[in-house]
């Protein structure tokens, strides 16, 4: 569904970004969240999500900004969706596995 949403959206570059992320097995196992045309990934499937993974924002100049995991923390600005996704993969937390059912509360309180 998110692949179709990005294709139909108003932000140029969002579709390329989602397709580049989909090509990465490490990211396909996570929950993708497209919010305000920024692409996030969560390690849990319910809201509120876990925001411990860098995220990507397509810019109006055709470039991509990678930030995070917290807003206001810039990792870098790159020319292509593939480069942006590579920065996200490089910033995955240790032991990042498939998204688990539940919310951030469930995820963070699990042993």
N, C-alpha and C. Protein backbone atom coordinates (compact mmCIF):
# COMPACT_ATOMS: atom_id res chain seq x y z
N UNK A 1 0.82 -1.20 0.00
CA UNK A 1 0.00 0.00 0.00
C UNK A 1 0.86 1.26 0.00
N UNK A 2 1.91 1.27 0.81
CA UNK A 2 2.75 2.46 0.88
C UNK A 2 3.44 2.72 -0.46
N UNK A 3 3.72 1.67 -1.22
CA UNK A 3 4.34 1.85 -2.53
C UNK A 3 3.38 2.59 -3.45
N UNK A 4 2.09 2.27 -3.40
CA UNK A 4 1.10 2.96 -4.22
C UNK A 4 0.90 4.39 -3.73
N UNK A 5 0.87 4.59 -2.41
CA UNK A 5 0.69 5.94 -1.86
C UNK A 5 1.80 6.86 -2.33
N UNK A 6 3.03 6.37 -2.33
CA UNK A 6 4.17 7.19 -2.75
C UNK A 6 4.08 7.51 -4.24
N UNK A 7 3.60 6.57 -5.02
CA UNK A 7 3.50 6.77 -6.47
C UNK A 7 2.48 7.86 -6.78
N UNK A 8 1.39 7.91 -6.02
CA UNK A 8 0.31 8.84 -6.28
C UNK A 8 0.47 10.18 -5.56
N UNK A 9 1.47 10.31 -4.71
CA UNK A 9 1.62 11.50 -3.89
C UNK A 9 2.19 12.69 -4.63
N UNK A 10 2.09 13.87 -4.03
CA UNK A 10 2.53 15.10 -4.68
C UNK A 10 4.03 15.37 -4.59
N UNK A 11 4.76 14.63 -3.80
CA UNK A 11 6.17 14.94 -3.59
C UNK A 11 7.03 14.13 -4.54
N UNK A 12 7.70 14.84 -5.43
CA UNK A 12 8.59 14.17 -6.38
C UNK A 12 9.72 13.52 -5.59
N UNK A 13 10.05 12.31 -5.91
CA UNK A 13 11.12 11.60 -5.22
C UNK A 13 10.63 10.62 -4.19
N UNK A 14 9.39 10.75 -3.73
CA UNK A 14 8.88 9.83 -2.71
C UNK A 14 8.78 8.41 -3.27
N UNK A 15 8.34 8.28 -4.51
CA UNK A 15 8.21 6.95 -5.10
C UNK A 15 9.57 6.28 -5.23
N UNK A 16 10.58 7.00 -5.72
CA UNK A 16 11.93 6.43 -5.84
C UNK A 16 12.46 6.02 -4.48
N UNK A 17 12.15 6.78 -3.47
CA UNK A 17 12.61 6.50 -2.12
C UNK A 17 11.98 5.21 -1.58
N UNK A 18 10.68 5.07 -1.75
CA UNK A 18 9.99 3.87 -1.28
C UNK A 18 10.47 2.64 -2.05
N UNK A 19 10.68 2.78 -3.34
CA UNK A 19 11.17 1.65 -4.14
C UNK A 19 12.59 1.25 -3.71
N UNK A 20 13.45 2.22 -3.44
CA UNK A 20 14.81 1.91 -2.98
C UNK A 20 14.77 1.21 -1.63
N UNK A 21 13.88 1.63 -0.75
CA UNK A 21 13.76 0.98 0.56
C UNK A 21 13.23 -0.44 0.40
N UNK A 22 12.28 -0.61 -0.49
CA UNK A 22 11.69 -1.93 -0.71
C UNK A 22 12.73 -2.93 -1.22
N UNK A 23 13.74 -2.45 -1.89
CA UNK A 23 14.79 -3.32 -2.43
C UNK A 23 15.74 -3.83 -1.35
N UNK A 24 15.67 -3.28 -0.16
CA UNK A 24 16.57 -3.67 0.93
C UNK A 24 15.88 -4.62 1.89
N UNK A 25 16.35 -5.89 1.99
CA UNK A 25 15.72 -6.85 2.89
C UNK A 25 15.69 -6.38 4.35
N UNK A 26 16.70 -5.64 4.76
CA UNK A 26 16.74 -5.16 6.15
C UNK A 26 15.57 -4.22 6.45
N UNK A 27 15.13 -3.49 5.44
CA UNK A 27 14.03 -2.55 5.65
C UNK A 27 12.67 -3.16 5.34
N UNK A 28 12.63 -4.16 4.46
CA UNK A 28 11.35 -4.82 4.17
C UNK A 28 10.78 -5.52 5.39
N UNK A 29 11.62 -5.87 6.35
CA UNK A 29 11.13 -6.57 7.54
C UNK A 29 10.57 -5.61 8.59
N UNK A 30 10.71 -4.31 8.36
CA UNK A 30 10.22 -3.31 9.29
C UNK A 30 8.90 -2.72 8.77
N UNK A 31 8.20 -1.99 9.62
CA UNK A 31 6.97 -1.33 9.21
C UNK A 31 7.32 0.02 8.60
N UNK A 32 7.05 0.23 7.30
CA UNK A 32 7.29 1.55 6.72
C UNK A 32 6.14 2.49 7.07
N UNK A 33 6.49 3.72 7.38
CA UNK A 33 5.48 4.73 7.71
C UNK A 33 5.80 5.98 6.90
N UNK A 34 4.89 6.37 6.04
CA UNK A 34 5.05 7.58 5.24
C UNK A 34 4.22 8.67 5.91
N UNK A 35 4.90 9.65 6.50
CA UNK A 35 4.22 10.71 7.23
C UNK A 35 4.76 12.05 6.79
N UNK A 36 3.89 12.91 6.29
CA UNK A 36 4.31 14.22 5.78
C UNK A 36 5.42 14.05 4.75
N UNK A 37 5.32 13.01 3.95
CA UNK A 37 6.23 12.65 2.87
C UNK A 37 7.64 12.32 3.36
N UNK A 38 7.80 12.11 4.65
CA UNK A 38 9.05 11.56 5.18
C UNK A 38 8.83 10.07 5.37
N UNK A 39 9.83 9.28 5.00
CA UNK A 39 9.74 7.83 5.12
C UNK A 39 10.43 7.38 6.39
N UNK A 40 9.65 6.80 7.29
CA UNK A 40 10.13 6.28 8.58
C UNK A 40 9.99 4.76 8.58
N UNK A 41 10.66 4.14 9.53
CA UNK A 41 10.55 2.70 9.72
C UNK A 41 10.39 2.44 11.21
N UNK A 42 9.53 1.48 11.55
CA UNK A 42 9.30 1.14 12.94
C UNK A 42 9.56 -0.34 13.17
N UNK A 43 10.05 -0.64 14.37
CA UNK A 43 10.29 -2.03 14.77
C UNK A 43 9.06 -2.64 15.42
N UNK A 44 7.94 -1.86 15.50
CA UNK A 44 6.68 -2.42 15.98
C UNK A 44 5.59 -2.04 14.99
N UNK A 45 4.48 -2.76 15.03
CA UNK A 45 3.44 -2.59 14.02
C UNK A 45 2.30 -1.66 14.43
N UNK A 46 2.24 -1.28 15.71
CA UNK A 46 1.13 -0.46 16.18
C UNK A 46 1.57 0.93 16.59
N UNK A 47 0.60 1.83 16.57
CA UNK A 47 0.84 3.22 16.99
C UNK A 47 0.61 3.35 18.49
N UNK A 48 1.45 4.04 19.21
CA UNK A 48 2.60 4.80 18.73
C UNK A 48 3.75 3.87 18.33
N UNK A 49 4.46 4.29 17.29
CA UNK A 49 5.55 3.51 16.75
C UNK A 49 6.84 3.75 17.53
N UNK A 50 7.82 2.89 17.29
CA UNK A 50 9.16 3.06 17.86
C UNK A 50 9.96 3.87 16.83
N UNK A 51 10.48 5.01 17.24
CA UNK A 51 11.25 5.87 16.34
C UNK A 51 12.74 5.78 16.69
N UNK A 52 13.37 4.66 16.41
CA UNK A 52 14.79 4.50 16.72
C UNK A 52 15.62 4.22 15.47
N UNK A 53 15.08 4.57 14.33
CA UNK A 53 15.73 4.32 13.04
C UNK A 53 15.75 5.64 12.27
N UNK A 54 16.87 5.95 11.59
CA UNK A 54 16.89 7.17 10.78
C UNK A 54 15.74 7.18 9.76
N UNK A 55 15.37 8.38 9.33
CA UNK A 55 14.29 8.53 8.36
C UNK A 55 14.73 9.46 7.24
N UNK A 56 13.97 9.45 6.14
CA UNK A 56 14.36 10.18 4.94
C UNK A 56 13.24 11.11 4.49
N UNK A 57 13.65 12.28 4.06
CA UNK A 57 12.71 13.28 3.56
C UNK A 57 13.15 13.70 2.15
N UNK A 58 12.29 13.53 1.13
CA UNK A 58 12.63 14.05 -0.20
C UNK A 58 12.57 15.58 -0.15
N UNK A 59 13.54 16.23 -0.76
CA UNK A 59 13.59 17.69 -0.77
C UNK A 59 13.11 18.23 -2.11
N UNK A 60 12.70 19.47 -2.13
CA UNK A 60 12.16 20.07 -3.35
C UNK A 60 13.21 20.23 -4.45
N UNK A 61 14.49 20.17 -4.09
CA UNK A 61 15.56 20.30 -5.09
C UNK A 61 15.98 18.96 -5.70
N UNK A 62 15.21 17.89 -5.38
CA UNK A 62 15.52 16.58 -5.93
C UNK A 62 16.47 15.75 -5.08
N UNK A 63 16.99 16.33 -4.03
CA UNK A 63 17.89 15.61 -3.13
C UNK A 63 17.08 15.00 -1.98
N UNK A 64 17.78 14.30 -1.08
CA UNK A 64 17.13 13.64 0.05
C UNK A 64 17.90 13.98 1.32
N UNK A 65 17.16 14.26 2.39
CA UNK A 65 17.77 14.51 3.69
C UNK A 65 17.50 13.30 4.58
N UNK A 66 18.58 12.77 5.18
CA UNK A 66 18.46 11.67 6.13
C UNK A 66 18.69 12.25 7.50
N UNK A 67 17.78 11.97 8.41
CA UNK A 67 17.83 12.51 9.77
C UNK A 67 17.55 11.41 10.76
N UNK A 68 17.82 11.73 12.02
CA UNK A 68 17.35 10.86 13.07
C UNK A 68 18.39 10.02 13.75
N UNK A 69 17.87 9.17 14.58
CA UNK A 69 16.46 8.83 14.67
C UNK A 69 15.57 9.96 15.21
N UNK A 70 16.11 10.90 15.97
CA UNK A 70 15.28 11.99 16.49
C UNK A 70 15.23 13.14 15.48
N UNK A 71 14.12 13.84 15.44
CA UNK A 71 14.02 15.02 14.59
C UNK A 71 15.07 16.03 15.04
N UNK A 72 15.60 16.76 14.09
CA UNK A 72 16.61 17.77 14.40
C UNK A 72 18.03 17.23 14.36
N UNK A 73 18.19 15.92 14.20
CA UNK A 73 19.51 15.32 14.10
C UNK A 73 19.73 14.96 12.63
N UNK A 74 20.51 15.77 11.92
CA UNK A 74 20.76 15.52 10.51
C UNK A 74 21.94 14.59 10.33
N UNK A 75 21.74 13.55 9.52
CA UNK A 75 22.82 12.62 9.18
C UNK A 75 23.50 13.08 7.91
N UNK A 76 22.71 13.52 6.93
CA UNK A 76 23.29 14.00 5.69
C UNK A 76 22.26 14.25 4.63
N UNK A 77 22.71 14.92 3.58
CA UNK A 77 21.88 15.19 2.42
C UNK A 77 22.58 14.57 1.22
N UNK A 78 21.84 13.81 0.42
CA UNK A 78 22.42 13.06 -0.69
C UNK A 78 21.60 13.29 -1.96
N UNK A 79 22.20 12.86 -3.09
CA UNK A 79 21.58 13.10 -4.39
C UNK A 79 20.56 12.06 -4.82
N UNK A 80 20.65 10.84 -4.30
CA UNK A 80 19.76 9.79 -4.81
C UNK A 80 19.03 9.07 -3.68
N UNK A 81 17.92 8.46 -4.06
CA UNK A 81 17.15 7.66 -3.11
C UNK A 81 17.99 6.48 -2.62
N UNK A 82 18.76 5.86 -3.50
CA UNK A 82 19.60 4.73 -3.09
C UNK A 82 20.63 5.14 -2.05
N UNK A 83 21.24 6.31 -2.22
CA UNK A 83 22.21 6.80 -1.24
C UNK A 83 21.53 7.07 0.11
N UNK A 84 20.34 7.63 0.05
CA UNK A 84 19.61 7.93 1.29
C UNK A 84 19.28 6.65 2.03
N UNK A 85 18.80 5.65 1.31
CA UNK A 85 18.44 4.38 1.95
C UNK A 85 19.68 3.68 2.49
N UNK A 86 20.81 3.82 1.82
CA UNK A 86 22.06 3.24 2.34
C UNK A 86 22.42 3.86 3.68
N UNK A 87 22.18 5.16 3.84
CA UNK A 87 22.44 5.82 5.13
C UNK A 87 21.49 5.31 6.21
N UNK A 88 20.25 5.06 5.84
CA UNK A 88 19.29 4.50 6.81
C UNK A 88 19.75 3.12 7.25
N UNK A 89 20.10 2.27 6.30
CA UNK A 89 20.55 0.91 6.63
C UNK A 89 21.79 0.96 7.52
N UNK A 90 22.71 1.87 7.23
CA UNK A 90 23.92 2.01 8.05
C UNK A 90 23.59 2.45 9.47
N UNK A 91 22.45 3.13 9.65
CA UNK A 91 22.06 3.61 10.97
C UNK A 91 21.09 2.70 11.71
N UNK A 92 20.84 1.51 11.19
CA UNK A 92 19.94 0.60 11.90
C UNK A 92 20.54 0.20 13.24
N UNK A 93 19.72 0.15 14.28
CA UNK A 93 20.23 -0.25 15.59
C UNK A 93 20.68 -1.71 15.59
N UNK A 94 21.59 -2.02 16.46
CA UNK A 94 22.07 -3.41 16.60
C UNK A 94 20.88 -4.32 16.92
N UNK A 95 20.87 -5.47 16.31
CA UNK A 95 19.80 -6.44 16.57
C UNK A 95 18.47 -6.08 15.95
N UNK A 96 18.48 -5.17 15.00
CA UNK A 96 17.24 -4.75 14.35
C UNK A 96 16.70 -5.92 13.54
N UNK A 97 15.58 -6.45 13.98
CA UNK A 97 14.99 -7.61 13.32
C UNK A 97 13.61 -7.28 12.80
N UNK A 98 12.84 -8.29 12.51
CA UNK A 98 11.49 -8.05 11.99
C UNK A 98 10.65 -7.24 12.98
N UNK A 99 9.77 -6.42 12.44
CA UNK A 99 8.85 -5.66 13.29
C UNK A 99 7.99 -6.63 14.09
N UNK A 100 7.75 -6.27 15.33
CA UNK A 100 6.93 -7.11 16.19
C UNK A 100 5.55 -6.49 16.37
N UNK A 101 4.58 -7.33 16.61
CA UNK A 101 3.22 -6.85 16.82
C UNK A 101 3.16 -6.08 18.13
N UNK A 102 2.47 -4.96 18.10
CA UNK A 102 2.30 -4.15 19.30
C UNK A 102 2.70 -2.71 19.07
N UNK A 103 2.74 -1.95 20.16
CA UNK A 103 3.05 -0.52 20.11
C UNK A 103 4.43 -0.27 20.70
N UNK A 104 4.86 0.97 20.67
CA UNK A 104 6.14 1.33 21.26
C UNK A 104 6.18 0.95 22.74
N UNK A 105 5.06 1.13 23.42
CA UNK A 105 5.01 0.77 24.84
C UNK A 105 5.29 -0.72 25.03
N UNK A 106 4.66 -1.56 24.22
CA UNK A 106 4.89 -3.00 24.31
C UNK A 106 6.34 -3.34 23.98
N UNK A 107 6.84 -2.71 22.92
CA UNK A 107 8.19 -2.99 22.45
C UNK A 107 9.24 -2.60 23.49
N UNK A 108 9.08 -1.41 24.06
CA UNK A 108 10.08 -0.89 24.98
C UNK A 108 10.01 -1.55 26.36
N UNK A 109 8.87 -2.14 26.70
CA UNK A 109 8.75 -2.79 28.02
C UNK A 109 9.03 -4.27 27.95
N UNK A 110 9.27 -4.82 26.75
CA UNK A 110 9.56 -6.25 26.61
C UNK A 110 10.95 -6.56 27.16
N UNK A 111 11.11 -7.75 27.75
CA UNK A 111 12.42 -8.11 28.31
C UNK A 111 13.48 -8.27 27.25
